Amino acid sequence: GAVMNTYLLEKSRLVFQGPLERNYHALYMVQEGADPEERRALSLESSPTKYAYLNQSGVTANPDWGSDAEEYHVMRQAMGSVGMDGQTQREAVGVLAAVLHLGNVEFTQETGEEYAA
């Protein structure tokens, strides 16, 4: 059996964390728990400090939570338990990795005729 809880997720948490807060756990789990092959395929950095979305508050680990790497494997098992096949799991993890990479995109304003749209 399973127990389901419904609660609202703060959309703003993805792009901004308050002091001493972390982002969504799944992002840390993917960054810490992906195996070397997944890391290569997803171009994941070795440290959460390399990602703006994981390092805004300066808190990248949560001792009360446990190991993000271990929880990643629990998350993948749970995905399988609800019927997600391996390909679908890889795609979901890929979306999470893409979110991490998008958080590092920086926009700059350029001036001059060559930059006119």
N, C-alpha and C. Protein backbone atom coordinates (compact mmCIF):
# COMPACT_ATOMS: atom_id res chain seq x y z
N GLY A 1 0.81 -1.18 0.00
CA GLY A 1 0.00 0.00 0.00
C GLY A 1 0.86 1.25 0.00
N ALA A 2 0.19 2.35 -0.16
CA ALA A 2 0.88 3.64 -0.20
C ALA A 2 0.02 4.70 0.47
N VAL A 3 0.65 5.70 0.96
CA VAL A 3 -0.04 6.84 1.54
C VAL A 3 0.29 8.05 0.69
N MET A 4 -0.71 8.80 0.28
CA MET A 4 -0.50 9.99 -0.55
C MET A 4 -0.87 11.21 0.27
N ASN A 5 0.00 12.19 0.26
CA ASN A 5 -0.27 13.48 0.89
C ASN A 5 -0.28 14.54 -0.18
N THR A 6 -1.24 15.43 -0.12
CA THR A 6 -1.31 16.53 -1.06
C THR A 6 -0.95 17.81 -0.35
N TYR A 7 -0.02 18.55 -0.95
CA TYR A 7 0.33 19.84 -0.41
C TYR A 7 0.83 20.72 -1.55
N LEU A 8 0.79 22.00 -1.34
CA LEU A 8 1.21 22.93 -2.38
C LEU A 8 2.72 23.11 -2.36
N LEU A 9 3.31 23.12 -3.53
CA LEU A 9 4.74 23.38 -3.65
C LEU A 9 4.94 24.84 -4.03
N GLU A 10 5.90 25.46 -3.40
CA GLU A 10 6.19 26.85 -3.71
C GLU A 10 6.94 26.90 -5.04
N LYS A 11 6.31 27.50 -6.05
CA LYS A 11 6.99 27.61 -7.34
C LYS A 11 8.22 28.49 -7.24
N SER A 12 8.16 29.51 -6.41
CA SER A 12 9.29 30.44 -6.30
C SER A 12 10.52 29.77 -5.68
N ARG A 13 10.35 28.68 -4.97
CA ARG A 13 11.49 28.01 -4.32
C ARG A 13 12.50 27.54 -5.36
N LEU A 14 12.06 27.22 -6.55
CA LEU A 14 12.98 26.75 -7.58
C LEU A 14 14.06 27.79 -7.87
N VAL A 15 13.68 29.05 -7.94
CA VAL A 15 14.64 30.09 -8.33
C VAL A 15 15.16 30.91 -7.16
N PHE A 16 14.56 30.77 -6.00
CA PHE A 16 15.01 31.53 -4.84
C PHE A 16 14.78 30.74 -3.56
N GLN A 17 15.83 30.62 -2.76
CA GLN A 17 15.69 29.98 -1.45
C GLN A 17 16.08 31.02 -0.40
N GLY A 18 15.34 31.01 0.68
CA GLY A 18 15.64 31.90 1.79
C GLY A 18 16.87 31.44 2.54
N PRO A 19 17.29 32.24 3.50
CA PRO A 19 18.47 31.86 4.30
C PRO A 19 18.28 30.49 4.96
N LEU A 20 19.30 29.69 4.88
CA LEU A 20 19.36 28.36 5.48
C LEU A 20 18.33 27.38 4.92
N GLU A 21 17.81 27.66 3.73
CA GLU A 21 16.86 26.75 3.08
C GLU A 21 17.52 26.10 1.88
N ARG A 22 17.04 24.91 1.55
CA ARG A 22 17.49 24.23 0.34
C ARG A 22 16.38 24.25 -0.69
N ASN A 23 16.74 23.93 -1.91
CA ASN A 23 15.79 23.83 -2.99
C ASN A 23 15.06 22.48 -2.87
N TYR A 24 14.33 22.09 -3.91
CA TYR A 24 13.63 20.81 -3.88
C TYR A 24 14.62 19.65 -3.75
N HIS A 25 14.31 18.71 -2.89
CA HIS A 25 15.20 17.59 -2.60
C HIS A 25 15.61 16.83 -3.85
N ALA A 26 14.68 16.66 -4.80
CA ALA A 26 14.97 15.86 -5.99
C ALA A 26 16.14 16.42 -6.78
N LEU A 27 16.32 17.74 -6.77
CA LEU A 27 17.44 18.33 -7.50
C LEU A 27 18.78 17.94 -6.88
N TYR A 28 18.85 17.95 -5.56
CA TYR A 28 20.08 17.53 -4.87
C TYR A 28 20.31 16.04 -5.07
N MET A 29 19.23 15.27 -5.04
CA MET A 29 19.35 13.82 -5.21
C MET A 29 19.96 13.47 -6.56
N VAL A 30 19.47 14.13 -7.62
CA VAL A 30 20.01 13.86 -8.96
C VAL A 30 21.47 14.27 -9.03
N GLN A 31 21.79 15.45 -8.53
CA GLN A 31 23.16 15.94 -8.60
C GLN A 31 24.12 15.04 -7.82
N GLU A 32 23.71 14.57 -6.67
CA GLU A 32 24.59 13.76 -5.82
C GLU A 32 24.55 12.27 -6.15
N GLY A 33 23.40 11.78 -6.63
CA GLY A 33 23.22 10.33 -6.74
C GLY A 33 23.42 9.71 -8.10
N ALA A 34 23.48 10.51 -9.14
CA ALA A 34 23.65 9.94 -10.48
C ALA A 34 24.97 9.19 -10.57
N ASP A 35 24.94 8.03 -11.22
CA ASP A 35 26.18 7.26 -11.38
C ASP A 35 27.06 7.93 -12.45
N PRO A 36 28.32 7.51 -12.57
CA PRO A 36 29.24 8.17 -13.51
C PRO A 36 28.72 8.24 -14.95
N GLU A 37 28.05 7.20 -15.41
CA GLU A 37 27.52 7.21 -16.77
C GLU A 37 26.41 8.25 -16.92
N GLU A 38 25.51 8.30 -15.93
CA GLU A 38 24.44 9.32 -15.96
C GLU A 38 25.04 10.72 -15.88
N ARG A 39 26.04 10.90 -15.03
CA ARG A 39 26.70 12.21 -14.89
C ARG A 39 27.24 12.70 -16.23
N ARG A 40 27.90 11.78 -16.94
CA ARG A 40 28.45 12.14 -18.25
C ARG A 40 27.33 12.49 -19.22
N ALA A 41 26.32 11.64 -19.28
CA ALA A 41 25.22 11.85 -20.22
C ALA A 41 24.48 13.15 -19.94
N LEU A 42 24.38 13.52 -18.67
CA LEU A 42 23.62 14.72 -18.27
C LEU A 42 24.53 15.93 -18.03
N SER A 43 25.82 15.75 -18.23
CA SER A 43 26.82 16.83 -18.00
C SER A 43 26.69 17.42 -16.60
N LEU A 44 26.56 16.55 -15.61
CA LEU A 44 26.42 17.01 -14.23
C LEU A 44 27.77 17.29 -13.60
N GLU A 45 27.84 18.41 -12.91
CA GLU A 45 29.05 18.78 -12.17
C GLU A 45 29.16 17.90 -10.92
N SER A 46 30.34 17.88 -10.32
CA SER A 46 30.58 17.01 -9.18
C SER A 46 30.13 17.60 -7.85
N SER A 47 29.79 18.87 -7.81
CA SER A 47 29.44 19.51 -6.54
C SER A 47 28.18 20.35 -6.68
N PRO A 48 27.31 20.34 -5.68
CA PRO A 48 26.11 21.18 -5.74
C PRO A 48 26.45 22.67 -5.75
N THR A 49 27.65 23.02 -5.30
CA THR A 49 28.03 24.44 -5.29
C THR A 49 28.20 24.99 -6.69
N LYS A 50 28.27 24.13 -7.69
CA LYS A 50 28.41 24.56 -9.09
C LYS A 50 27.08 25.00 -9.70
N TYR A 51 25.98 24.83 -8.96
CA TYR A 51 24.66 25.13 -9.49
C TYR A 51 24.00 26.26 -8.70
N ALA A 52 23.60 27.29 -9.41
CA ALA A 52 22.96 28.45 -8.76
C ALA A 52 21.72 28.03 -7.98
N TYR A 53 20.94 27.12 -8.54
CA TYR A 53 19.70 26.71 -7.87
C TYR A 53 19.96 25.88 -6.61
N LEU A 54 21.16 25.35 -6.46
CA LEU A 54 21.44 24.52 -5.28
C LEU A 54 22.31 25.23 -4.25
N ASN A 55 22.77 26.42 -4.56
CA ASN A 55 23.77 27.05 -3.72
C ASN A 55 23.42 28.47 -3.30
N GLN A 56 22.21 28.90 -3.49
CA GLN A 56 21.85 30.29 -3.19
C GLN A 56 21.96 30.62 -1.71
N SER A 57 21.52 29.72 -0.87
CA SER A 57 21.51 30.01 0.56
C SER A 57 22.82 29.58 1.23
N GLY A 58 23.66 28.89 0.47
CA GLY A 58 24.89 28.38 1.04
C GLY A 58 24.71 27.03 1.72
N VAL A 59 23.49 26.54 1.80
CA VAL A 59 23.21 25.25 2.43
C VAL A 59 22.99 24.22 1.32
N THR A 60 23.94 23.31 1.19
CA THR A 60 23.81 22.29 0.16
C THR A 60 23.57 20.90 0.73
N ALA A 61 23.76 20.74 2.03
CA ALA A 61 23.52 19.44 2.67
C ALA A 61 22.53 19.64 3.80
N ASN A 62 21.78 18.60 4.07
CA ASN A 62 20.81 18.64 5.16
C ASN A 62 21.00 17.39 6.01
N PRO A 63 21.70 17.53 7.13
CA PRO A 63 21.97 16.35 7.96
C PRO A 63 20.71 15.66 8.47
N ASP A 64 19.61 16.38 8.60
CA ASP A 64 18.36 15.78 9.05
C ASP A 64 17.73 14.92 7.95
N TRP A 65 18.08 15.19 6.71
CA TRP A 65 17.49 14.50 5.57
C TRP A 65 18.19 13.18 5.31
N GLY A 66 19.48 13.12 5.49
CA GLY A 66 20.24 11.93 5.15
C GLY A 66 21.07 12.18 3.90
N SER A 67 21.51 11.13 3.29
CA SER A 67 22.36 11.23 2.10
C SER A 67 21.51 11.45 0.85
N ASP A 68 21.78 12.54 0.14
CA ASP A 68 21.05 12.79 -1.11
C ASP A 68 21.33 11.69 -2.13
N ALA A 69 22.56 11.17 -2.13
CA ALA A 69 22.91 10.10 -3.06
C ALA A 69 22.09 8.84 -2.76
N GLU A 70 21.97 8.49 -1.50
CA GLU A 70 21.16 7.32 -1.13
C GLU A 70 19.68 7.56 -1.45
N GLU A 71 19.21 8.74 -1.17
CA GLU A 71 17.81 9.06 -1.45
C GLU A 71 17.51 9.05 -2.95
N TYR A 72 18.52 9.34 -3.77
CA TYR A 72 18.34 9.25 -5.22
C TYR A 72 17.96 7.83 -5.61
N HIS A 73 18.64 6.86 -5.04
CA HIS A 73 18.34 5.46 -5.37
C HIS A 73 16.97 5.06 -4.85
N VAL A 74 16.58 5.58 -3.70
CA VAL A 74 15.23 5.34 -3.18
C VAL A 74 14.20 5.95 -4.13
N MET A 75 14.48 7.16 -4.62
CA MET A 75 13.58 7.82 -5.56
C MET A 75 13.43 7.01 -6.84
N ARG A 76 14.54 6.49 -7.36
CA ARG A 76 14.48 5.68 -8.58
C ARG A 76 13.68 4.39 -8.35
N GLN A 77 13.84 3.78 -7.18
CA GLN A 77 13.05 2.58 -6.86
C GLN A 77 11.57 2.94 -6.79
N ALA A 78 11.25 4.08 -6.20
CA ALA A 78 9.86 4.52 -6.10
C ALA A 78 9.28 4.77 -7.49
N MET A 79 10.08 5.33 -8.38
CA MET A 79 9.62 5.54 -9.76
C MET A 79 9.24 4.20 -10.39
N GLY A 80 10.06 3.19 -10.17
CA GLY A 80 9.77 1.87 -10.69
C GLY A 80 8.53 1.27 -10.06
N SER A 81 8.35 1.52 -8.77
CA SER A 81 7.19 0.98 -8.04
C SER A 81 5.87 1.52 -8.55
N VAL A 82 5.89 2.74 -9.09
CA VAL A 82 4.65 3.32 -9.61
C VAL A 82 4.50 3.09 -11.11
N GLY A 83 5.38 2.23 -11.66
CA GLY A 83 5.21 1.81 -13.04
C GLY A 83 6.04 2.56 -14.07
N MET A 84 6.97 3.40 -13.65
CA MET A 84 7.82 4.10 -14.61
C MET A 84 8.91 3.15 -15.08
N ASP A 85 8.97 2.93 -16.39
CA ASP A 85 10.03 2.07 -16.92
C ASP A 85 11.35 2.84 -16.93
N GLY A 86 12.44 2.16 -17.23
CA GLY A 86 13.77 2.76 -17.19
C GLY A 86 13.91 3.99 -18.07
N GLN A 87 13.35 3.93 -19.27
CA GLN A 87 13.44 5.06 -20.20
C GLN A 87 12.71 6.28 -19.63
N THR A 88 11.53 6.07 -19.10
CA THR A 88 10.76 7.17 -18.53
C THR A 88 11.48 7.76 -17.31
N GLN A 89 12.09 6.91 -16.51
CA GLN A 89 12.86 7.40 -15.36
C GLN A 89 14.04 8.25 -15.83
N ARG A 90 14.75 7.79 -16.86
CA ARG A 90 15.88 8.55 -17.38
C ARG A 90 15.43 9.90 -17.92
N GLU A 91 14.27 9.93 -18.56
CA GLU A 91 13.74 11.19 -19.08
C GLU A 91 13.39 12.15 -17.94
N ALA A 92 12.78 11.64 -16.88
CA ALA A 92 12.44 12.47 -15.73
C ALA A 92 13.70 13.04 -15.07
N VAL A 93 14.71 12.20 -14.92
CA VAL A 93 15.98 12.65 -14.35
C VAL A 93 16.63 13.68 -15.27
N GLY A 94 16.49 13.47 -16.57
CA GLY A 94 17.02 14.43 -17.54
C GLY A 94 16.37 15.80 -17.41
N VAL A 95 15.08 15.82 -17.14
CA VAL A 95 14.39 17.09 -16.94
C VAL A 95 14.93 17.79 -15.70
N LEU A 96 15.14 17.05 -14.63
CA LEU A 96 15.70 17.65 -13.41
C LEU A 96 17.11 18.20 -13.66
N ALA A 97 17.92 17.45 -14.40
CA ALA A 97 19.27 17.93 -14.73
C ALA A 97 19.18 19.18 -15.61
N ALA A 98 18.24 19.21 -16.53
CA ALA A 98 18.07 20.40 -17.38
C ALA A 98 17.72 21.62 -16.55
N VAL A 99 16.88 21.43 -15.53
CA VAL A 99 16.53 22.54 -14.64
C VAL A 99 17.78 23.07 -13.95
N LEU A 100 18.65 22.16 -13.49
CA LEU A 100 19.90 22.60 -12.86
C LEU A 100 20.75 23.42 -13.82
N HIS A 101 20.86 22.97 -15.06
CA HIS A 101 21.66 23.70 -16.05
C HIS A 101 21.03 25.05 -16.40
N LEU A 102 19.72 25.08 -16.53
CA LEU A 102 19.05 26.35 -16.85
C LEU A 102 19.25 27.39 -15.75
N GLY A 103 19.38 26.93 -14.52
CA GLY A 103 19.62 27.85 -13.42
C GLY A 103 20.97 28.55 -13.52
N ASN A 104 21.88 28.00 -14.31
CA ASN A 104 23.20 28.62 -14.47
C ASN A 104 23.29 29.54 -15.69
N VAL A 105 22.21 29.65 -16.44
CA VAL A 105 22.21 30.54 -17.60
C VAL A 105 22.20 31.98 -17.09
N GLU A 106 23.07 32.77 -17.65
CA GLU A 106 23.13 34.19 -17.30
C GLU A 106 22.85 35.02 -18.54
N PHE A 107 22.01 36.01 -18.40
CA PHE A 107 21.67 36.89 -19.50
C PHE A 107 22.43 38.20 -19.33
N THR A 108 22.92 38.71 -20.42
CA THR A 108 23.58 40.01 -20.40
C THR A 108 22.96 40.89 -21.47
N GLN A 109 23.02 42.16 -21.25
CA GLN A 109 22.48 43.09 -22.24
C GLN A 109 23.64 43.62 -23.07
N GLU A 110 23.55 43.43 -24.35
CA GLU A 110 24.57 43.91 -25.26
C GLU A 110 24.01 45.11 -26.01
N THR A 111 24.85 46.03 -26.31
CA THR A 111 24.41 47.20 -27.07
C THR A 111 25.17 47.23 -28.39
N GLY A 112 24.61 47.92 -29.31
CA GLY A 112 25.26 48.05 -30.61
C GLY A 112 24.38 47.50 -31.71
N GLU A 113 24.64 47.97 -32.89
CA GLU A 113 23.82 47.60 -34.04
C GLU A 113 23.89 46.10 -34.36
N GLU A 114 25.04 45.47 -34.14
CA GLU A 114 25.19 44.05 -34.46
C GLU A 114 24.33 43.16 -33.57
N TYR A 115 23.83 43.70 -32.44
CA TYR A 115 22.99 42.93 -31.52
C TYR A 115 21.51 43.23 -31.69
N ALA A 116 21.16 44.11 -32.61
CA ALA A 116 19.75 44.48 -32.80
C ALA A 116 18.98 43.30 -33.37
N ALA A 117 17.78 43.13 -32.88
CA ALA A 117 16.95 42.02 -33.35
C ALA A 117 16.17 42.42 -34.58
